[in-house]
Amino acid sequence: ESIPVYSMQFLLYWLRWCYHSIRKNRWLSVRLVSL
């Protein structure tokens, strides 16, 4: 069963958003690590 293309694109978009958000918010990444 192959993964649909749109779900792959959505996953990439979500990962990119998380990456930029964490880079933008250093304190957030620190809090995530401390949890």
N, C-alpha and C. Protein backbone atom coordinates (compact mmCIF):
# COMPACT_ATOMS: atom_id res chain seq x y z
N GLU A 1 0.85 -1.20 0.00
CA GLU A 1 0.00 0.00 0.00
C GLU A 1 0.89 1.25 0.00
N SER A 2 0.79 2.02 -1.05
CA SER A 2 1.64 3.21 -1.18
C SER A 2 1.04 4.42 -0.47
N ILE A 3 1.92 5.28 0.00
CA ILE A 3 1.48 6.49 0.68
C ILE A 3 1.10 7.54 -0.36
N PRO A 4 -0.07 8.17 -0.20
CA PRO A 4 -0.48 9.20 -1.16
C PRO A 4 0.50 10.37 -1.18
N VAL A 5 0.62 10.99 -2.34
CA VAL A 5 1.57 12.09 -2.51
C VAL A 5 1.20 13.27 -1.62
N TYR A 6 -0.09 13.55 -1.52
CA TYR A 6 -0.50 14.73 -0.74
C TYR A 6 -0.15 14.58 0.74
N SER A 7 -0.18 13.36 1.25
CA SER A 7 0.17 13.16 2.66
C SER A 7 1.68 13.36 2.86
N MET A 8 2.46 12.98 1.86
CA MET A 8 3.91 13.20 1.93
C MET A 8 4.22 14.69 1.92
N GLN A 9 3.53 15.43 1.07
CA GLN A 9 3.73 16.88 0.98
C GLN A 9 3.30 17.54 2.28
N PHE A 10 2.20 17.07 2.85
CA PHE A 10 1.72 17.62 4.11
C PHE A 10 2.73 17.37 5.22
N LEU A 11 3.30 16.17 5.24
CA LEU A 11 4.30 15.82 6.25
C LEU A 11 5.53 16.71 6.13
N LEU A 12 6.00 16.91 4.90
CA LEU A 12 7.15 17.77 4.67
C LEU A 12 6.87 19.19 5.10
N TYR A 13 5.68 19.68 4.79
CA TYR A 13 5.28 21.03 5.17
C TYR A 13 5.25 21.18 6.68
N TRP A 14 4.70 20.17 7.35
CA TRP A 14 4.59 20.19 8.81
C TRP A 14 5.97 20.16 9.47
N LEU A 15 6.86 19.31 8.95
CA LEU A 15 8.21 19.23 9.48
C LEU A 15 8.96 20.54 9.30
N ARG A 16 8.79 21.17 8.14
CA ARG A 16 9.43 22.45 7.86
C ARG A 16 8.91 23.53 8.80
N TRP A 17 7.59 23.51 9.03
CA TRP A 17 6.99 24.49 9.94
C TRP A 17 7.53 24.32 11.35
N CYS A 18 7.62 23.07 11.81
CA CYS A 18 8.14 22.79 13.15
C CYS A 18 9.60 23.23 13.26
N TYR A 19 10.37 22.94 12.24
CA TYR A 19 11.79 23.30 12.23
C TYR A 19 11.97 24.81 12.36
N HIS A 20 11.25 25.57 11.55
CA HIS A 20 11.37 27.03 11.59
C HIS A 20 10.84 27.59 12.90
N SER A 21 9.79 27.00 13.41
CA SER A 21 9.21 27.49 14.67
C SER A 21 10.19 27.28 15.82
N ILE A 22 10.83 26.12 15.85
CA ILE A 22 11.79 25.83 16.92
C ILE A 22 13.02 26.73 16.79
N ARG A 23 13.46 26.97 15.57
CA ARG A 23 14.61 27.86 15.38
C ARG A 23 14.25 29.28 15.80
N LYS A 24 13.03 29.68 15.52
CA LYS A 24 12.58 31.02 15.86
C LYS A 24 12.42 31.17 17.38
N ASN A 25 11.93 30.11 17.99
CA ASN A 25 11.66 30.15 19.43
C ASN A 25 12.64 29.26 20.18
N ARG A 26 13.77 29.81 20.53
CA ARG A 26 14.80 29.05 21.24
C ARG A 26 14.29 28.56 22.59
N TRP A 27 13.55 29.40 23.28
CA TRP A 27 13.05 29.03 24.60
C TRP A 27 12.08 27.85 24.51
N LEU A 28 11.35 27.80 23.39
CA LEU A 28 10.41 26.70 23.21
C LEU A 28 11.16 25.37 23.05
N SER A 29 12.23 25.38 22.28
CA SER A 29 13.01 24.16 22.09
C SER A 29 13.65 23.72 23.40
N VAL A 30 14.07 24.69 24.21
CA VAL A 30 14.66 24.36 25.51
C VAL A 30 13.61 23.73 26.41
N ARG A 31 12.41 24.27 26.37
CA ARG A 31 11.34 23.72 27.20
C ARG A 31 10.96 22.32 26.74
N LEU A 32 10.96 22.10 25.44
CA LEU A 32 10.63 20.78 24.91
C LEU A 32 11.67 19.75 25.36
N VAL A 33 12.92 20.16 25.37
CA VAL A 33 13.99 19.25 25.79
C VAL A 33 13.89 18.95 27.28
N SER A 34 13.54 19.96 28.06
CA SER A 34 13.47 19.78 29.51
C SER A 34 12.28 18.93 29.94
N LEU A 35 11.27 18.82 29.07
CA LEU A 35 10.10 18.04 29.45
C LEU A 35 10.42 16.57 29.53
